[in-house]
Amino acid sequence: MQEKITDLIRSFRDIQGKNVFFTAKMEKIQDESSKVLFFPSMPGNKTAQSLPYFFDEVFALHISDDGERVLQTILDKSYTAKDRSGELDSFEPADLGKIIDKIKGVK
């Protein structure tokens, strides 16, 4: 199952000339030290934990204190997130068009 899922993800990820966007439900996992972590929900624990390695950008959606939707772009103690572009702030407004423009350097 894990191999089929990773092959499918790679086939979509490797589409040339397109921005490919995946969404996933978050699953709460408690590690052996009782720390709570959030990963994409997938069949098989190894698949869920390996998913972020396939992508350049991984975001966690949050609602800010003022009710705005924001995307977390860096890893913290609980949420998986990353920004390989180095162009994004720790939290960005949840507007993928603006995020793509920011990564490309479009003002």
PDB file of N, CA and C in Angstrom:
ATOM      1  N   MET A   1       0.832  -1.191   0.000  1.00  0.00           N
ATOM      2  CA  MET A   1       0.000   0.000   0.000  1.00  0.00           C
ATOM      3  C   MET A   1       0.874   1.250   0.000  1.00  0.00           C
ATOM      4  N   GLN A   2       1.896   1.268   0.855  1.00  0.00           N
ATOM      5  CA  GLN A   2       2.762   2.434   0.941  1.00  0.00           C
ATOM      6  C   GLN A   2       3.442   2.715  -0.401  1.00  0.00           C
ATOM      7  N   GLU A   3       3.911   1.685  -1.061  1.00  0.00           N
ATOM      8  CA  GLU A   3       4.589   1.857  -2.345  1.00  0.00           C
ATOM      9  C   GLU A   3       3.638   2.410  -3.406  1.00  0.00           C
ATOM     10  N   LYS A   4       2.408   1.927  -3.445  1.00  0.00           N
ATOM     11  CA  LYS A   4       1.425   2.420  -4.413  1.00  0.00           C
ATOM     12  C   LYS A   4       1.114   3.892  -4.162  1.00  0.00           C
ATOM     13  N   ILE A   5       0.948   4.258  -2.910  1.00  0.00           N
ATOM     14  CA  ILE A   5       0.642   5.653  -2.573  1.00  0.00           C
ATOM     15  C   ILE A   5       1.807   6.556  -2.941  1.00  0.00           C
ATOM     16  N   THR A   6       3.028   6.178  -2.592  1.00  0.00           N
ATOM     17  CA  THR A   6       4.178   7.032  -2.904  1.00  0.00           C
ATOM     18  C   THR A   6       4.402   7.139  -4.412  1.00  0.00           C
ATOM     19  N   ASP A   7       4.165   6.062  -5.166  1.00  0.00           N
ATOM     20  CA  ASP A   7       4.281   6.135  -6.630  1.00  0.00           C
ATOM     21  C   ASP A   7       3.251   7.100  -7.205  1.00  0.00           C
ATOM     22  N   LEU A   8       2.032   7.060  -6.688  1.00  0.00           N
ATOM     23  CA  LEU A   8       0.984   7.963  -7.156  1.00  0.00           C
ATOM     24  C   LEU A   8       1.330   9.419  -6.832  1.00  0.00           C
ATOM     25  N   ILE A   9       1.793   9.665  -5.633  1.00  0.00           N
ATOM     26  CA  ILE A   9       2.172  11.030  -5.240  1.00  0.00           C
ATOM     27  C   ILE A   9       3.304  11.541  -6.126  1.00  0.00           C
ATOM     28  N   ARG A  10       4.312  10.717  -6.364  1.00  0.00           N
ATOM     29  CA  ARG A  10       5.421  11.120  -7.245  1.00  0.00           C
ATOM     30  C   ARG A  10       4.931  11.453  -8.645  1.00  0.00           C
ATOM     31  N   SER A  11       4.001  10.663  -9.172  1.00  0.00           N
ATOM     32  CA  SER A  11       3.523  10.910 -10.534  1.00  0.00           C
ATOM     33  C   SER A  11       2.817  12.261 -10.648  1.00  0.00           C
ATOM     34  N   PHE A  12       2.053  12.641  -9.645  1.00  0.00           N
ATOM     35  CA  PHE A  12       1.427  13.958  -9.652  1.00  0.00           C
ATOM     36  C   PHE A  12       2.449  15.057  -9.396  1.00  0.00           C
ATOM     37  N   ARG A  13       3.322  14.846  -8.428  1.00  0.00           N
ATOM     38  CA  ARG A  13       4.328  15.841  -8.060  1.00  0.00           C
ATOM     39  C   ARG A  13       5.218  16.196  -9.244  1.00  0.00           C
ATOM     40  N   ASP A  14       5.522  15.235 -10.086  1.00  0.00           N
ATOM     41  CA  ASP A  14       6.477  15.424 -11.171  1.00  0.00           C
ATOM     42  C   ASP A  14       5.864  15.959 -12.459  1.00  0.00           C
ATOM     43  N   ILE A  15       4.614  16.366 -12.432  1.00  0.00           N
ATOM     44  CA  ILE A  15       3.990  16.980 -13.613  1.00  0.00           C
ATOM     45  C   ILE A  15       4.732  18.280 -13.908  1.00  0.00           C
ATOM     46  N   GLN A  16       5.222  18.406 -15.135  1.00  0.00           N
ATOM     47  CA  GLN A  16       6.018  19.571 -15.520  1.00  0.00           C
ATOM     48  C   GLN A  16       5.132  20.767 -15.885  1.00  0.00           C
ATOM     49  N   GLY A  17       5.595  21.961 -15.523  1.00  0.00           N
ATOM     50  CA  GLY A  17       4.925  23.194 -15.921  1.00  0.00           C
ATOM     51  C   GLY A  17       3.674  23.539 -15.145  1.00  0.00           C
ATOM     52  N   LYS A  18       3.395  22.832 -14.076  1.00  0.00           N
ATOM     53  CA  LYS A  18       2.188  23.086 -13.279  1.00  0.00           C
ATOM     54  C   LYS A  18       2.546  23.157 -11.806  1.00  0.00           C
ATOM     55  N   ASN A  19       1.795  23.948 -11.075  1.00  0.00           N
ATOM     56  CA  ASN A  19       1.877  23.930  -9.617  1.00  0.00           C
ATOM     57  C   ASN A  19       0.869  22.892  -9.142  1.00  0.00           C
ATOM     58  N   VAL A  20       1.348  21.887  -8.454  1.00  0.00           N
ATOM     59  CA  VAL A  20       0.484  20.813  -7.978  1.00  0.00           C
ATOM     60  C   VAL A  20       0.239  21.020  -6.492  1.00  0.00           C
ATOM     61  N   PHE A  21      -1.020  20.971  -6.097  1.00  0.00           N
ATOM     62  CA  PHE A  21      -1.444  21.266  -4.735  1.00  0.00           C
ATOM     63  C   PHE A  21      -2.148  20.038  -4.160  1.00  0.00           C
ATOM     64  N   PHE A  22      -1.671  19.560  -3.034  1.00  0.00           N
ATOM     65  CA  PHE A  22      -2.294  18.446  -2.321  1.00  0.00           C
ATOM     66  C   PHE A  22      -2.857  18.975  -1.013  1.00  0.00           C
ATOM     67  N   THR A  23      -3.978  18.448  -0.583  1.00  0.00           N
ATOM     68  CA  THR A  23      -4.487  18.731   0.754  1.00  0.00           C
ATOM     69  C   THR A  23      -4.630  17.411   1.496  1.00  0.00           C
ATOM     70  N   ALA A  24      -4.544  17.481   2.811  1.00  0.00           N
ATOM     71  CA  ALA A  24      -4.694  16.274   3.616  1.00  0.00           C
ATOM     72  C   ALA A  24      -5.297  16.634   4.969  1.00  0.00           C
ATOM     73  N   LYS A  25      -6.084  15.755   5.465  1.00  0.00           N
ATOM     74  CA  LYS A  25      -6.592  15.874   6.828  1.00  0.00           C
ATOM     75  C   LYS A  25      -5.424  15.629   7.773  1.00  0.00           C
ATOM     76  N   MET A  26      -5.382  16.386   8.866  1.00  0.00           N
ATOM     77  CA  MET A  26      -4.308  16.210   9.843  1.00  0.00           C
ATOM     78  C   MET A  26      -4.704  15.145  10.859  1.00  0.00           C
ATOM     79  N   GLU A  27      -3.712  14.355  11.234  1.00  0.00           N
ATOM     80  CA  GLU A  27      -3.911  13.322  12.245  1.00  0.00           C
ATOM     81  C   GLU A  27      -2.996  13.617  13.429  1.00  0.00           C
ATOM     82  N   LYS A  28      -3.558  13.482  14.612  1.00  0.00           N
ATOM     83  CA  LYS A  28      -2.786  13.702  15.831  1.00  0.00           C
ATOM     84  C   LYS A  28      -2.103  12.403  16.223  1.00  0.00           C
ATOM     85  N   ILE A  29      -0.780  12.483  16.425  1.00  0.00           N
ATOM     86  CA  ILE A  29       0.010  11.315  16.823  1.00  0.00           C
ATOM     87  C   ILE A  29       0.741  11.675  18.108  1.00  0.00           C
ATOM     88  N   GLN A  30       0.728  10.780  19.060  1.00  0.00           N
ATOM     89  CA  GLN A  30       1.465  10.995  20.300  1.00  0.00           C
ATOM     90  C   GLN A  30       2.706  10.108  20.269  1.00  0.00           C
ATOM     91  N   ASP A  31       3.891  10.739  20.384  1.00  0.00           N
ATOM     92  CA  ASP A  31       5.123   9.950  20.323  1.00  0.00           C
ATOM     93  C   ASP A  31       5.422   9.318  21.677  1.00  0.00           C
ATOM     94  N   GLU A  32       6.543   8.588  21.748  1.00  0.00           N
ATOM     95  CA  GLU A  32       6.866   7.846  22.965  1.00  0.00           C
ATOM     96  C   GLU A  32       7.142   8.741  24.170  1.00  0.00           C
ATOM     97  N   SER A  33       7.467  10.014  23.933  1.00  0.00           N
ATOM     98  CA  SER A  33       7.688  10.941  25.056  1.00  0.00           C
ATOM     99  C   SER A  33       6.426  11.739  25.388  1.00  0.00           C
ATOM    100  N   SER A  34       5.281  11.299  24.878  1.00  0.00           N
ATOM    101  CA  SER A  34       3.961  11.915  25.093  1.00  0.00           C
ATOM    102  C   SER A  34       3.813  13.268  24.415  1.00  0.00           C
ATOM    103  N   LYS A  35       4.694  13.593  23.499  1.00  0.00           N
ATOM    104  CA  LYS A  35       4.576  14.835  22.730  1.00  0.00           C
ATOM    105  C   LYS A  35       3.547  14.620  21.623  1.00  0.00           C
ATOM    106  N   VAL A  36       2.650  15.590  21.430  1.00  0.00           N
ATOM    107  CA  VAL A  36       1.612  15.503  20.407  1.00  0.00           C
ATOM    108  C   VAL A  36       2.140  16.129  19.119  1.00  0.00           C
ATOM    109  N   LEU A  37       2.056  15.371  18.025  1.00  0.00           N
ATOM    110  CA  LEU A  37       2.501  15.817  16.717  1.00  0.00           C
ATOM    111  C   LEU A  37       1.348  15.709  15.733  1.00  0.00           C
ATOM    112  N   PHE A  38       1.339  16.574  14.726  1.00  0.00           N
ATOM    113  CA  PHE A  38       0.313  16.530  13.692  1.00  0.00           C
ATOM    114  C   PHE A  38       0.979  16.228  12.354  1.00  0.00           C
ATOM    115  N   PHE A  39       0.483  15.191  11.681  1.00  0.00           N
ATOM    116  CA  PHE A  39       0.983  14.759  10.388  1.00  0.00           C
ATOM    117  C   PHE A  39      -0.203  14.600   9.444  1.00  0.00           C
ATOM    118  N   PRO A  40       0.058  14.590   8.138  1.00  0.00           N
ATOM    119  CA  PRO A  40      -1.034  14.277   7.206  1.00  0.00           C
ATOM    120  C   PRO A  40      -1.568  12.876   7.499  1.00  0.00           C
ATOM    121  N   SER A  41      -2.862  12.725   7.437  1.00  0.00           N
ATOM    122  CA  SER A  41      -3.492  11.435   7.693  1.00  0.00           C
ATOM    123  C   SER A  41      -3.394  10.577   6.435  1.00  0.00           C
ATOM    124  N   MET A  42      -2.802   9.400   6.585  1.00  0.00           N
ATOM    125  CA  MET A  42      -2.622   8.469   5.469  1.00  0.00           C
ATOM    126  C   MET A  42      -2.682   7.050   6.025  1.00  0.00           C
ATOM    127  N   PRO A  43      -3.034   6.081   5.174  1.00  0.00           N
ATOM    128  CA  PRO A  43      -2.954   4.698   5.646  1.00  0.00           C
ATOM    129  C   PRO A  43      -1.484   4.333   5.879  1.00  0.00           C
ATOM    130  N   GLY A  44      -1.179   3.827   7.018  1.00  0.00           N
ATOM    131  CA  GLY A  44       0.199   3.456   7.331  1.00  0.00           C
ATOM    132  C   GLY A  44       0.964   4.616   7.941  1.00  0.00           C
ATOM    133  N   ASN A  45       1.492   4.419   9.110  1.00  0.00           N
ATOM    134  CA  ASN A  45       2.195   5.476   9.837  1.00  0.00           C
ATOM    135  C   ASN A  45       3.426   5.971   9.080  1.00  0.00           C
ATOM    136  N   LYS A  46       4.183   5.071   8.464  1.00  0.00           N
ATOM    137  CA  LYS A  46       5.391   5.462   7.750  1.00  0.00           C
ATOM    138  C   LYS A  46       5.080   6.361   6.563  1.00  0.00           C
ATOM    139  N   THR A  47       3.994   6.084   5.867  1.00  0.00           N
ATOM    140  CA  THR A  47       3.608   6.909   4.720  1.00  0.00           C
ATOM    141  C   THR A  47       3.320   8.329   5.165  1.00  0.00           C
ATOM    142  N   ALA A  48       2.551   8.498   6.220  1.00  0.00           N
ATOM    143  CA  ALA A  48       2.197   9.832   6.707  1.00  0.00           C
ATOM    144  C   ALA A  48       3.436  10.620   7.106  1.00  0.00           C
ATOM    145  N   GLN A  49       4.361   9.991   7.783  1.00  0.00           N
ATOM    146  CA  GLN A  49       5.546  10.704   8.251  1.00  0.00           C
ATOM    147  C   GLN A  49       6.519  11.010   7.120  1.00  0.00           C
ATOM    148  N   SER A  50       6.487  10.253   6.038  1.00  0.00           N
ATOM    149  CA  SER A  50       7.417  10.500   4.933  1.00  0.00           C
ATOM    150  C   SER A  50       6.876  11.490   3.903  1.00  0.00           C
ATOM    151  N   LEU A  51       5.588  11.770   3.908  1.00  0.00           N
ATOM    152  CA  LEU A  51       4.998  12.657   2.902  1.00  0.00           C
ATOM    153  C   LEU A  51       5.693  14.007   2.753  1.00  0.00           C
ATOM    154  N   PRO A  52       6.014  14.719   3.821  1.00  0.00           N
ATOM    155  CA  PRO A  52       6.619  16.042   3.649  1.00  0.00           C
ATOM    156  C   PRO A  52       7.922  16.042   2.842  1.00  0.00           C
ATOM    157  N   TYR A  53       8.624  14.946   2.813  1.00  0.00           N
ATOM    158  CA  TYR A  53       9.888  14.881   2.069  1.00  0.00           C
ATOM    159  C   TYR A  53       9.685  14.952   0.560  1.00  0.00           C
ATOM    160  N   PHE A  54       8.495  14.680   0.076  1.00  0.00           N
ATOM    161  CA  PHE A  54       8.216  14.707  -1.355  1.00  0.00           C
ATOM    162  C   PHE A  54       8.044  16.122  -1.912  1.00  0.00           C
ATOM    163  N   PHE A  55       7.792  17.096  -1.057  1.00  0.00           N
ATOM    164  CA  PHE A  55       7.344  18.405  -1.527  1.00  0.00           C
ATOM    165  C   PHE A  55       8.293  19.532  -1.136  1.00  0.00           C
ATOM    166  N   ASP A  56       8.282  20.598  -1.952  1.00  0.00           N
ATOM    167  CA  ASP A  56       9.082  21.791  -1.660  1.00  0.00           C
ATOM    168  C   ASP A  56       8.420  22.654  -0.589  1.00  0.00           C
ATOM    169  N   GLU A  57       7.123  22.681  -0.594  1.00  0.00           N
ATOM    170  CA  GLU A  57       6.361  23.500   0.358  1.00  0.00           C
ATOM    171  C   GLU A  57       5.360  22.613   1.088  1.00  0.00           C
ATOM    172  N   VAL A  58       5.322  22.740   2.405  1.00  0.00           N
ATOM    173  CA  VAL A  58       4.350  22.017   3.232  1.00  0.00           C
ATOM    174  C   VAL A  58       3.820  23.024   4.247  1.00  0.00           C
ATOM    175  N   PHE A  59       2.514  23.196   4.264  1.00  0.00           N
ATOM    176  CA  PHE A  59       1.900  24.192   5.142  1.00  0.00           C
ATOM    177  C   PHE A  59       0.911  23.538   6.103  1.00  0.00           C
ATOM    178  N   ALA A  60       0.730  24.165   7.243  1.00  0.00           N
ATOM    179  CA  ALA A  60      -0.314  23.776   8.191  1.00  0.00           C
ATOM    180  C   ALA A  60      -1.272  24.960   8.305  1.00  0.00           C
ATOM    181  N   LEU A  61      -2.548  24.717   8.090  1.00  0.00           N
ATOM    182  CA  LEU A  61      -3.559  25.773   8.142  1.00  0.00           C
ATOM    183  C   LEU A  61      -3.979  26.020   9.586  1.00  0.00           C
ATOM    184  N   HIS A  62      -3.984  27.293   9.979  1.00  0.00           N
ATOM    185  CA  HIS A  62      -4.408  27.705  11.320  1.00  0.00           C
ATOM    186  C   HIS A  62      -5.378  28.874  11.208  1.00  0.00           C
ATOM    187  N   ILE A  63      -6.118  29.098  12.264  1.00  0.00           N
ATOM    188  CA  ILE A  63      -6.937  30.302  12.400  1.00  0.00           C
ATOM    189  C   ILE A  63      -6.227  31.182  13.416  1.00  0.00           C
ATOM    190  N   SER A  64      -5.870  32.401  13.003  1.00  0.00           N
ATOM    191  CA  SER A  64      -5.147  33.311  13.895  1.00  0.00           C
ATOM    192  C   SER A  64      -6.068  33.840  14.987  1.00  0.00           C
ATOM    193  N   ASP A  65      -5.488  34.534  15.960  1.00  0.00           N
ATOM    194  CA  ASP A  65      -6.269  35.087  17.072  1.00  0.00           C
ATOM    195  C   ASP A  65      -7.350  36.053  16.598  1.00  0.00           C
ATOM    196  N   ASP A  66      -7.108  36.732  15.469  1.00  0.00           N
ATOM    197  CA  ASP A  66      -8.116  37.667  14.962  1.00  0.00           C
ATOM    198  C   ASP A  66      -9.060  37.030  13.935  1.00  0.00           C
ATOM    199  N   GLY A  67      -9.035  35.691  13.846  1.00  0.00           N
ATOM    200  CA  GLY A  67      -9.979  34.973  12.997  1.00  0.00           C
ATOM    201  C   GLY A  67      -9.553  34.801  11.548  1.00  0.00           C
ATOM    202  N   GLU A  68      -8.359  35.226  11.187  1.00  0.00           N
ATOM    203  CA  GLU A  68      -7.872  35.090   9.818  1.00  0.00           C
ATOM    204  C   GLU A  68      -7.249  33.711   9.609  1.00  0.00           C
ATOM    205  N   ARG A  69      -7.388  33.187   8.422  1.00  0.00           N
ATOM    206  CA  ARG A  69      -6.744  31.916   8.077  1.00  0.00           C
ATOM    207  C   ARG A  69      -5.309  32.196   7.662  1.00  0.00           C
ATOM    208  N   VAL A  70      -4.376  31.467   8.266  1.00  0.00           N
ATOM    209  CA  VAL A  70      -2.961  31.636   7.953  1.00  0.00           C
ATOM    210  C   VAL A  70      -2.333  30.257   7.737  1.00  0.00           C
ATOM    211  N   LEU A  71      -1.264  30.251   6.953  1.00  0.00           N
ATOM    212  CA  LEU A  71      -0.536  29.016   6.689  1.00  0.00           C
ATOM    213  C   LEU A  71       0.810  29.071   7.391  1.00  0.00           C
ATOM    214  N   GLN A  72       1.060  28.115   8.231  1.00  0.00           N
ATOM    215  CA  GLN A  72       2.352  27.973   8.902  1.00  0.00           C
ATOM    216  C   GLN A  72       3.319  27.373   7.887  1.00  0.00           C
ATOM    217  N   THR A  73       4.514  27.953   7.767  1.00  0.00           N
ATOM    218  CA  THR A  73       5.459  27.508   6.745  1.00  0.00           C
ATOM    219  C   THR A  73       6.745  26.926   7.316  1.00  0.00           C
ATOM    220  N   ILE A  74       6.873  26.876   8.644  1.00  0.00           N
ATOM    221  CA  ILE A  74       8.078  26.311   9.261  1.00  0.00           C
ATOM    222  C   ILE A  74       7.680  25.256  10.295  1.00  0.00           C
ATOM    223  N   LEU A  75       8.548  24.296  10.463  1.00  0.00           N
ATOM    224  CA  LEU A  75       8.349  23.233  11.443  1.00  0.00           C
ATOM    225  C   LEU A  75       8.366  23.809  12.849  1.00  0.00           C
ATOM    226  N   ASP A  76       7.484  23.326  13.695  1.00  0.00           N
ATOM    227  CA  ASP A  76       7.569  23.660  15.119  1.00  0.00           C
ATOM    228  C   ASP A  76       7.433  22.366  15.915  1.00  0.00           C
ATOM    229  N   LYS A  77       7.208  22.476  17.204  1.00  0.00           N
ATOM    230  CA  LYS A  77       7.178  21.291  18.071  1.00  0.00           C
ATOM    231  C   LYS A  77       6.023  20.345  17.773  1.00  0.00           C
ATOM    232  N   SER A  78       4.963  20.845  17.141  1.00  0.00           N
ATOM    233  CA  SER A  78       3.784  20.005  16.915  1.00  0.00           C
ATOM    234  C   SER A  78       3.411  19.817  15.448  1.00  0.00           C
ATOM    235  N   TYR A  79       3.663  20.832  14.605  1.00  0.00           N
ATOM    236  CA  TYR A  79       3.159  20.794  13.233  1.00  0.00           C
ATOM    237  C   TYR A  79       4.279  20.626  12.211  1.00  0.00           C
ATOM    238  N   THR A  80       4.019  19.776  11.241  1.00  0.00           N
ATOM    239  CA  THR A  80       4.917  19.593  10.116  1.00  0.00           C
ATOM    240  C   THR A  80       4.663  20.715   9.122  1.00  0.00           C
ATOM    241  N   ALA A  81       5.714  21.444   8.758  1.00  0.00           N
ATOM    242  CA  ALA A  81       5.631  22.497   7.749  1.00  0.00           C
ATOM    243  C   ALA A  81       7.046  22.808   7.280  1.00  0.00           C
ATOM    244  N   LYS A  82       7.164  23.283   6.029  1.00  0.00           N
ATOM    245  CA  LYS A  82       8.481  23.680   5.538  1.00  0.00           C
ATOM    246  C   LYS A  82       8.342  24.581   4.325  1.00  0.00           C
ATOM    247  N   ASP A  83       9.418  25.328   4.073  1.00  0.00           N
ATOM    248  CA  ASP A  83       9.501  26.221   2.921  1.00  0.00           C
ATOM    249  C   ASP A  83      10.898  26.107   2.329  1.00  0.00           C
ATOM    250  N   ARG A  84      11.030  25.342   1.262  1.00  0.00           N
ATOM    251  CA  ARG A  84      12.339  25.193   0.618  1.00  0.00           C
ATOM    252  C   ARG A  84      12.742  26.426  -0.176  1.00  0.00           C
ATOM    253  N   SER A  85      11.784  27.301  -0.496  1.00  0.00           N
ATOM    254  CA  SER A  85      12.113  28.491  -1.287  1.00  0.00           C
ATOM    255  C   SER A  85      12.901  29.506  -0.472  1.00  0.00           C
ATOM    256  N   GLY A  86      12.678  29.538   0.839  1.00  0.00           N
ATOM    257  CA  GLY A  86      13.326  30.538   1.684  1.00  0.00           C
ATOM    258  C   GLY A  86      12.732  31.932   1.540  1.00  0.00           C
ATOM    259  N   GLU A  87      11.627  32.061   0.823  1.00  0.00           N
ATOM    260  CA  GLU A  87      11.017  33.364   0.550  1.00  0.00           C
ATOM    261  C   GLU A  87       9.841  33.702   1.457  1.00  0.00           C
ATOM    262  N   LEU A  88       9.369  32.754   2.228  1.00  0.00           N
ATOM    263  CA  LEU A  88       8.142  32.961   2.990  1.00  0.00           C
ATOM    264  C   LEU A  88       8.423  33.266   4.455  1.00  0.00           C
ATOM    265  N   ASP A  89       7.498  34.021   5.050  1.00  0.00           N
ATOM    266  CA  ASP A  89       7.536  34.271   6.488  1.00  0.00           C
ATOM    267  C   ASP A  89       7.043  33.014   7.211  1.00  0.00           C
ATOM    268  N   SER A  90       7.214  32.976   8.513  1.00  0.00           N
ATOM    269  CA  SER A  90       6.781  31.824   9.307  1.00  0.00           C
ATOM    270  C   SER A  90       5.289  31.543   9.160  1.00  0.00           C
ATOM    271  N   PHE A  91       4.507  32.597   9.032  1.00  0.00           N
ATOM    272  CA  PHE A  91       3.072  32.488   8.787  1.00  0.00           C
ATOM    273  C   PHE A  91       2.726  33.418   7.640  1.00  0.00           C
ATOM    274  N   GLU A  92       1.954  32.907   6.708  1.00  0.00           N
ATOM    275  CA  GLU A  92       1.520  33.665   5.544  1.00  0.00           C
ATOM    276  C   GLU A  92      -0.004  33.635   5.474  1.00  0.00           C
ATOM    277  N   PRO A  93      -0.620  34.711   4.935  1.00  0.00           N
ATOM    278  CA  PRO A  93      -2.068  34.650   4.706  1.00  0.00           C
ATOM    279  C   PRO A  93      -2.391  33.459   3.808  1.00  0.00           C
ATOM    280  N   ALA A  94      -3.523  32.824   4.035  1.00  0.00           N
ATOM    281  CA  ALA A  94      -3.897  31.609   3.304  1.00  0.00           C
ATOM    282  C   ALA A  94      -4.401  31.959   1.905  1.00  0.00           C
ATOM    283  N   ASP A  95      -3.499  32.455   1.063  1.00  0.00           N
ATOM    284  CA  ASP A  95      -3.798  32.808  -0.322  1.00  0.00           C
ATOM    285  C   ASP A  95      -2.690  32.203  -1.180  1.00  0.00           C
ATOM    286  N   LEU A  96      -2.976  31.050  -1.784  1.00  0.00           N
ATOM    287  CA  LEU A  96      -1.943  30.327  -2.523  1.00  0.00           C
ATOM    288  C   LEU A  96      -1.428  31.122  -3.724  1.00  0.00           C
ATOM    289  N   GLY A  97      -2.279  31.915  -4.358  1.00  0.00           N
ATOM    290  CA  GLY A  97      -1.834  32.748  -5.479  1.00  0.00           C
ATOM    291  C   GLY A  97      -0.765  33.731  -5.046  1.00  0.00           C
ATOM    292  N   LYS A  98      -0.982  34.385  -3.919  1.00  0.00           N
ATOM    293  CA  LYS A  98       0.007  35.338  -3.401  1.00  0.00           C
ATOM    294  C   LYS A  98       1.278  34.623  -2.942  1.00  0.00           C
ATOM    295  N   ILE A  99       1.138  33.435  -2.381  1.00  0.00           N
ATOM    296  CA  ILE A  99       2.317  32.670  -1.953  1.00  0.00           C
ATOM    297  C   ILE A  99       3.156  32.270  -3.167  1.00  0.00           C
ATOM    298  N   ILE A 100       2.514  31.809  -4.226  1.00  0.00           N
ATOM    299  CA  ILE A 100       3.250  31.446  -5.448  1.00  0.00           C
ATOM    300  C   ILE A 100       3.967  32.674  -6.000  1.00  0.00           C
ATOM    301  N   ASP A 101       3.276  33.828  -6.058  1.00  0.00           N
ATOM    302  CA  ASP A 101       3.912  35.056  -6.531  1.00  0.00           C
ATOM    303  C   ASP A 101       5.104  35.439  -5.662  1.00  0.00           C
ATOM    304  N   LYS A 102       4.967  35.304  -4.360  1.00  0.00           N
ATOM    305  CA  LYS A 102       6.057  35.654  -3.439  1.00  0.00           C
ATOM    306  C   LYS A 102       7.269  34.745  -3.667  1.00  0.00           C
ATOM    307  N   ILE A 103       7.037  33.468  -3.851  1.00  0.00           N
ATOM    308  CA  ILE A 103       8.132  32.529  -4.107  1.00  0.00           C
ATOM    309  C   ILE A 103       8.823  32.876  -5.424  1.00  0.00           C
ATOM    310  N   LYS A 104       8.048  33.244  -6.444  1.00  0.00           N
ATOM    311  CA  LYS A 104       8.605  33.581  -7.759  1.00  0.00           C
ATOM    312  C   LYS A 104       9.222  34.977  -7.792  1.00  0.00           C
ATOM    313  N   GLY A 105       9.016  35.768  -6.723  1.00  0.00           N
ATOM    314  CA  GLY A 105       9.550  37.124  -6.688  1.00  0.00           C
ATOM    315  C   GLY A 105       8.703  38.155  -7.395  1.00  0.00           C
ATOM    316  N   VAL A 106       7.429  37.823  -7.643  1.00  0.00           N
ATOM    317  CA  VAL A 106       6.503  38.742  -8.305  1.00  0.00           C
ATOM    318  C   VAL A 106       5.956  39.699  -7.271  1.00  0.00           C
ATOM    319  N   LYS A 107       6.008  40.982  -7.556  1.00  0.00           N
ATOM    320  CA  LYS A 107       5.495  41.990  -6.602  1.00  0.00           C
ATOM    321  C   LYS A 107       4.067  42.344  -6.913  1.00  0.00           C
TER     322      LYS A 107
END
